[in-house]
Amino acid sequence: MSSDDSWIGDGKPYLTPRGDGMGDAWSAEAAARGHRGTQQLLTVEEIAPPIAVRDFFQMRPAEMAVVRRRLILLDGTPVELADSYYPARFARGTDLAKRGKIRGGAVTLLAAMGLIPEDSPLEDAVAEIASPSQCEALGLRPGTPVLILTRFTRSINGEPMEVSVMTMTRHLRYRQRKEAS
């Protein structure tokens, strides 16, 4: 997607459990705009997470996280790398830790486990020059900037449940909503 495309995204569908038979939020969002959104699962593994993930999950040094790494495509063209982290203490033994598509997406599975996401997670955005591996995966020339959006999500009960790190090649524009008091 080029930077002049008029596409204002909404994070709410990505934080809302999907109903039976509903596709994933990305496919639905792309289809609503006349495009085809797909994703490829690159890997699922248990790892020692990056420091920001470890700190958010309040993990002890020896604790592990499950990461699901995906390549996000728009009309067959790579537009994003998405890594979603979950504490291994609750992801281990679930579909979060298995290679394969999760019916209804991770947020639907988490909700079934009693982890309903909060309405307004913390998001951190930074622009960086794409690394060589990011350039290769996303089909970018060396020196191309990318936007890295990290979303820290807690459950409505305050439990840290997911960290998603999205490396994007596209322009990001979104609207903040004022919550009723």
C-alpha atoms as a PDB file:
ATOM      1  CA  MET A   1       0.000   0.000   0.000  1.00  0.00           C
ATOM      2  CA  SER A   2       1.451   3.350  -0.926  1.00  0.00           C
ATOM      3  CA  SER A   3       1.606   6.290   1.443  1.00  0.00           C
ATOM      4  CA  ASP A   4      -1.063   8.174  -0.511  1.00  0.00           C
ATOM      5  CA  ASP A   5      -3.748   5.527   0.026  1.00  0.00           C
ATOM      6  CA  SER A   6      -6.657   6.755   2.094  1.00  0.00           C
ATOM      7  CA  TRP A   7      -7.022   3.976   4.626  1.00  0.00           C
ATOM      8  CA  ILE A   8      -7.815   4.778   8.213  1.00  0.00           C
ATOM      9  CA  GLY A   9      -7.438   1.633  10.254  1.00  0.00           C
ATOM     10  CA  ASP A  10      -9.369   0.740  13.365  1.00  0.00           C
ATOM     11  CA  GLY A  11      -7.703  -1.389  16.030  1.00  0.00           C
ATOM     12  CA  LYS A  12     -10.967  -2.507  17.641  1.00  0.00           C
ATOM     13  CA  PRO A  13     -11.590  -5.517  15.328  1.00  0.00           C
ATOM     14  CA  TYR A  14      -8.126  -6.818  16.238  1.00  0.00           C
ATOM     15  CA  LEU A  15      -9.056  -6.746  19.936  1.00  0.00           C
ATOM     16  CA  THR A  16     -12.543  -8.225  19.561  1.00  0.00           C
ATOM     17  CA  PRO A  17     -13.148 -12.000  19.626  1.00  0.00           C
ATOM     18  CA  ARG A  18     -14.611 -13.227  16.341  1.00  0.00           C
ATOM     19  CA  GLY A  19     -17.915 -15.085  16.057  1.00  0.00           C
ATOM     20  CA  ASP A  20     -18.306 -18.574  14.625  1.00  0.00           C
ATOM     21  CA  GLY A  21     -17.495 -18.717  10.944  1.00  0.00           C
ATOM     22  CA  MET A  22     -16.014 -15.213  10.834  1.00  0.00           C
ATOM     23  CA  GLY A  23     -12.670 -14.759   9.104  1.00  0.00           C
ATOM     24  CA  ASP A  24      -9.740 -12.982  10.676  1.00  0.00           C
ATOM     25  CA  ALA A  25      -9.824  -9.208  11.220  1.00  0.00           C
ATOM     26  CA  TRP A  26      -7.151  -8.436   8.595  1.00  0.00           C
ATOM     27  CA  SER A  27      -8.969 -10.335   5.820  1.00  0.00           C
ATOM     28  CA  ALA A  28     -12.228  -8.582   6.723  1.00  0.00           C
ATOM     29  CA  GLU A  29     -10.612  -5.123   6.841  1.00  0.00           C
ATOM     30  CA  ALA A  30      -8.910  -5.596   3.470  1.00  0.00           C
ATOM     31  CA  ALA A  31     -12.081  -7.021   1.870  1.00  0.00           C
ATOM     32  CA  ALA A  32     -14.110  -4.030   3.085  1.00  0.00           C
ATOM     33  CA  ARG A  33     -11.740  -1.868   1.018  1.00  0.00           C
ATOM     34  CA  GLY A  34     -11.840  -4.054  -2.086  1.00  0.00           C
ATOM     35  CA  HIS A  35      -8.568  -5.875  -1.409  1.00  0.00           C
ATOM     36  CA  ARG A  36      -7.465  -9.354  -0.423  1.00  0.00           C
ATOM     37  CA  GLY A  37      -5.712  -9.574   2.932  1.00  0.00           C
ATOM     38  CA  THR A  38      -3.910 -12.788   3.812  1.00  0.00           C
ATOM     39  CA  GLN A  39      -1.151 -13.894   6.127  1.00  0.00           C
ATOM     40  CA  GLN A  40       1.484 -16.601   6.215  1.00  0.00           C
ATOM     41  CA  LEU A  41       2.526 -18.139   9.493  1.00  0.00           C
ATOM     42  CA  LEU A  42       6.324 -18.126   9.435  1.00  0.00           C
ATOM     43  CA  THR A  43       7.072 -19.784  12.759  1.00  0.00           C
ATOM     44  CA  VAL A  44       5.760 -20.562  16.216  1.00  0.00           C
ATOM     45  CA  GLU A  45       8.363 -21.048  18.904  1.00  0.00           C
ATOM     46  CA  GLU A  46       9.083 -20.738  22.592  1.00  0.00           C
ATOM     47  CA  ILE A  47      11.851 -18.200  23.188  1.00  0.00           C
ATOM     48  CA  ALA A  48      13.483 -15.906  25.706  1.00  0.00           C
ATOM     49  CA  PRO A  49      11.586 -12.730  24.748  1.00  0.00           C
ATOM     50  CA  PRO A  50      12.981  -9.255  24.108  1.00  0.00           C
ATOM     51  CA  ILE A  51      13.373  -7.076  27.224  1.00  0.00           C
ATOM     52  CA  ALA A  52      10.286  -4.918  26.531  1.00  0.00           C
ATOM     53  CA  VAL A  53       8.135  -8.057  26.270  1.00  0.00           C
ATOM     54  CA  ARG A  54       9.711  -9.600  29.388  1.00  0.00           C
ATOM     55  CA  ASP A  55       9.139  -6.393  31.370  1.00  0.00           C
ATOM     56  CA  PHE A  56       5.504  -6.042  30.279  1.00  0.00           C
ATOM     57  CA  PHE A  57       4.754  -9.662  31.184  1.00  0.00           C
ATOM     58  CA  GLN A  58       6.659  -9.215  34.471  1.00  0.00           C
ATOM     59  CA  MET A  59       8.606 -12.395  33.734  1.00  0.00           C
ATOM     60  CA  ARG A  60      11.419 -13.841  35.777  1.00  0.00           C
ATOM     61  CA  PRO A  61      14.718 -14.236  33.867  1.00  0.00           C
ATOM     62  CA  ALA A  62      14.230 -17.954  33.157  1.00  0.00           C
ATOM     63  CA  GLU A  63      10.627 -17.617  31.943  1.00  0.00           C
ATOM     64  CA  MET A  64       9.864 -18.072  28.274  1.00  0.00           C
ATOM     65  CA  ALA A  65       7.330 -16.643  25.853  1.00  0.00           C
ATOM     66  CA  VAL A  66       5.608 -18.144  22.838  1.00  0.00           C
ATOM     67  CA  VAL A  67       5.985 -16.054  19.681  1.00  0.00           C
ATOM     68  CA  ARG A  68       3.866 -16.412  16.556  1.00  0.00           C
ATOM     69  CA  ARG A  69       5.621 -14.759  13.585  1.00  0.00           C
ATOM     70  CA  ARG A  70       3.523 -13.907  10.535  1.00  0.00           C
ATOM     71  CA  LEU A  71       3.965 -12.239   7.161  1.00  0.00           C
ATOM     72  CA  ILE A  72       0.966 -10.028   6.343  1.00  0.00           C
ATOM     73  CA  LEU A  73       0.063  -9.605   2.675  1.00  0.00           C
ATOM     74  CA  LEU A  74      -2.221  -7.244   0.798  1.00  0.00           C
ATOM     75  CA  ASP A  75      -3.241  -8.504  -2.641  1.00  0.00           C
ATOM     76  CA  GLY A  76      -0.316 -10.929  -2.452  1.00  0.00           C
ATOM     77  CA  THR A  77       2.270  -8.249  -1.639  1.00  0.00           C
ATOM     78  CA  PRO A  78       4.055  -8.288   1.739  1.00  0.00           C
ATOM     79  CA  VAL A  79       3.120  -5.199   3.783  1.00  0.00           C
ATOM     80  CA  GLU A  80       3.916  -6.180   7.364  1.00  0.00           C
ATOM     81  CA  LEU A  81       5.755  -8.540   9.659  1.00  0.00           C
ATOM     82  CA  ALA A  82       3.737  -9.303  12.801  1.00  0.00           C
ATOM     83  CA  ASP A  83       5.195 -11.022  15.863  1.00  0.00           C
ATOM     84  CA  SER A  84       2.779 -11.770  18.695  1.00  0.00           C
ATOM     85  CA  TYR A  85       4.144 -12.818  22.088  1.00  0.00           C
ATOM     86  CA  TYR A  86       2.326 -14.654  24.888  1.00  0.00           C
ATOM     87  CA  PRO A  87       3.619 -15.813  28.276  1.00  0.00           C
ATOM     88  CA  ALA A  88       4.479 -19.505  27.915  1.00  0.00           C
ATOM     89  CA  ARG A  89       2.895 -20.164  31.318  1.00  0.00           C
ATOM     90  CA  PHE A  90      -0.554 -19.874  29.729  1.00  0.00           C
ATOM     91  CA  ALA A  91       0.221 -20.365  26.020  1.00  0.00           C
ATOM     92  CA  ARG A  92       2.019 -23.698  26.366  1.00  0.00           C
ATOM     93  CA  GLY A  93      -0.235 -26.608  25.365  1.00  0.00           C
ATOM     94  CA  THR A  94      -2.775 -24.354  23.600  1.00  0.00           C
ATOM     95  CA  ASP A  95      -3.206 -23.526  19.919  1.00  0.00           C
ATOM     96  CA  LEU A  96      -1.114 -20.391  20.586  1.00  0.00           C
ATOM     97  CA  ALA A  97       1.929 -22.659  20.838  1.00  0.00           C
ATOM     98  CA  LYS A  98       1.050 -24.870  17.858  1.00  0.00           C
ATOM     99  CA  ARG A  99       1.987 -24.262  14.251  1.00  0.00           C
ATOM    100  CA  GLY A 100      -1.213 -23.597  12.350  1.00  0.00           C
ATOM    101  CA  LYS A 101      -4.009 -21.131  11.955  1.00  0.00           C
ATOM    102  CA  ILE A 102      -6.058 -20.400  15.058  1.00  0.00           C
ATOM    103  CA  ARG A 103      -9.790 -20.572  14.363  1.00  0.00           C
ATOM    104  CA  GLY A 104     -11.144 -17.054  14.933  1.00  0.00           C
ATOM    105  CA  GLY A 105      -7.641 -15.737  15.643  1.00  0.00           C
ATOM    106  CA  ALA A 106      -5.592 -15.496  18.820  1.00  0.00           C
ATOM    107  CA  VAL A 107      -7.883 -12.929  20.443  1.00  0.00           C
ATOM    108  CA  THR A 108     -10.811 -15.379  20.145  1.00  0.00           C
ATOM    109  CA  LEU A 109      -8.773 -18.182  21.711  1.00  0.00           C
ATOM    110  CA  LEU A 110      -7.569 -15.897  24.500  1.00  0.00           C
ATOM    111  CA  ALA A 111     -11.165 -14.859  25.227  1.00  0.00           C
ATOM    112  CA  ALA A 112     -12.143 -18.533  25.499  1.00  0.00           C
ATOM    113  CA  MET A 113      -9.325 -18.865  28.052  1.00  0.00           C
ATOM    114  CA  GLY A 114     -10.869 -16.020  30.093  1.00  0.00           C
ATOM    115  CA  LEU A 115      -8.515 -13.313  28.813  1.00  0.00           C
ATOM    116  CA  ILE A 116     -10.725 -10.602  27.319  1.00  0.00           C
ATOM    117  CA  PRO A 117      -8.581  -7.745  25.939  1.00  0.00           C
ATOM    118  CA  GLU A 118      -8.920  -4.245  27.325  1.00  0.00           C
ATOM    119  CA  ASP A 119     -10.449  -1.592  25.064  1.00  0.00           C
ATOM    120  CA  SER A 120      -7.416   0.684  24.888  1.00  0.00           C
ATOM    121  CA  PRO A 121      -4.033  -1.040  24.902  1.00  0.00           C
ATOM    122  CA  LEU A 122      -0.819   0.940  24.996  1.00  0.00           C
ATOM    123  CA  GLU A 123       0.742   1.381  21.565  1.00  0.00           C
ATOM    124  CA  ASP A 124       4.298   2.526  20.922  1.00  0.00           C
ATOM    125  CA  ALA A 125       5.365   3.597  17.426  1.00  0.00           C
ATOM    126  CA  VAL A 126       8.860   4.222  16.102  1.00  0.00           C
ATOM    127  CA  ALA A 127      10.319   4.638  12.609  1.00  0.00           C
ATOM    128  CA  GLU A 128      13.548   2.821  11.794  1.00  0.00           C
ATOM    129  CA  ILE A 129      15.569   1.818   8.772  1.00  0.00           C
ATOM    130  CA  ALA A 130      14.606  -1.745   7.864  1.00  0.00           C
ATOM    131  CA  SER A 131      17.116  -4.420   8.834  1.00  0.00           C
ATOM    132  CA  PRO A 132      18.505  -6.692   6.098  1.00  0.00           C
ATOM    133  CA  SER A 133      16.149  -9.512   7.169  1.00  0.00           C
ATOM    134  CA  GLN A 134      13.157  -7.145   7.157  1.00  0.00           C
ATOM    135  CA  CYS A 135      14.156  -5.906   3.680  1.00  0.00           C
ATOM    136  CA  GLU A 136      14.326  -9.485   2.433  1.00  0.00           C
ATOM    137  CA  ALA A 137      10.977 -10.554   3.954  1.00  0.00           C
ATOM    138  CA  LEU A 138       9.133  -7.421   2.853  1.00  0.00           C
ATOM    139  CA  GLY A 139      10.807  -6.981  -0.538  1.00  0.00           C
ATOM    140  CA  LEU A 140      12.338  -3.615   0.378  1.00  0.00           C
ATOM    141  CA  ARG A 141      15.476  -1.893  -0.870  1.00  0.00           C
ATOM    142  CA  PRO A 142      18.249  -1.327   1.701  1.00  0.00           C
ATOM    143  CA  GLY A 143      17.788   1.945   3.537  1.00  0.00           C
ATOM    144  CA  THR A 144      13.982   1.849   3.376  1.00  0.00           C
ATOM    145  CA  PRO A 145      12.238   3.148   6.508  1.00  0.00           C
ATOM    146  CA  VAL A 146       9.612   1.044   8.265  1.00  0.00           C
ATOM    147  CA  LEU A 147       7.160   1.833  11.022  1.00  0.00           C
ATOM    148  CA  ILE A 148       7.317  -0.449  14.042  1.00  0.00           C
ATOM    149  CA  LEU A 149       4.139  -0.431  16.103  1.00  0.00           C
ATOM    150  CA  THR A 150       4.237  -2.346  19.375  1.00  0.00           C
ATOM    151  CA  ARG A 151       0.895  -3.011  21.059  1.00  0.00           C
ATOM    152  CA  PHE A 152       0.898  -3.979  24.754  1.00  0.00           C
ATOM    153  CA  THR A 153      -2.449  -5.561  25.646  1.00  0.00           C
ATOM    154  CA  ARG A 154      -3.802  -6.412  29.079  1.00  0.00           C
ATOM    155  CA  SER A 155      -6.957  -8.316  29.870  1.00  0.00           C
ATOM    156  CA  ILE A 156      -9.912  -6.420  31.320  1.00  0.00           C
ATOM    157  CA  ASN A 157      -8.726  -7.842  34.656  1.00  0.00           C
ATOM    158  CA  GLY A 158      -5.346  -6.140  34.209  1.00  0.00           C
ATOM    159  CA  GLU A 159      -3.300  -9.253  33.345  1.00  0.00           C
ATOM    160  CA  PRO A 160      -0.669  -8.734  30.615  1.00  0.00           C
ATOM    161  CA  MET A 161      -1.775 -11.076  27.824  1.00  0.00           C
ATOM    162  CA  GLU A 162      -0.204 -10.151  24.483  1.00  0.00           C
ATOM    163  CA  VAL A 163       2.527  -8.029  22.951  1.00  0.00           C
ATOM    164  CA  SER A 164       2.345  -7.578  19.180  1.00  0.00           C
ATOM    165  CA  VAL A 165       5.245  -6.069  17.256  1.00  0.00           C
ATOM    166  CA  MET A 166       4.182  -5.014  13.767  1.00  0.00           C
ATOM    167  CA  THR A 167       6.803  -3.898  11.242  1.00  0.00           C
ATOM    168  CA  MET A 168       4.926  -2.013   8.533  1.00  0.00           C
ATOM    169  CA  THR A 169       5.826  -0.820   5.071  1.00  0.00           C
ATOM    170  CA  ARG A 170       2.713   1.262   4.679  1.00  0.00           C
ATOM    171  CA  HIS A 171       1.483   4.612   5.831  1.00  0.00           C
ATOM    172  CA  LEU A 172      -0.401   4.351   9.116  1.00  0.00           C
ATOM    173  CA  ARG A 173      -3.221   6.716   9.884  1.00  0.00           C
ATOM    174  CA  TYR A 174      -5.685   6.150  12.659  1.00  0.00           C
ATOM    175  CA  ARG A 175      -8.204   8.062  14.652  1.00  0.00           C
ATOM    176  CA  GLN A 176      -8.303   8.235  18.436  1.00  0.00           C
ATOM    177  CA  ARG A 177     -11.705   8.019  20.101  1.00  0.00           C
ATOM    178  CA  LYS A 178     -12.641   9.911  23.221  1.00  0.00           C
ATOM    179  CA  GLU A 179     -14.187   7.534  25.725  1.00  0.00           C
ATOM    180  CA  ALA A 180     -17.360   8.580  27.503  1.00  0.00           C
ATOM    181  CA  SER A 181     -16.780   9.427  31.147  1.00  0.00           C
END
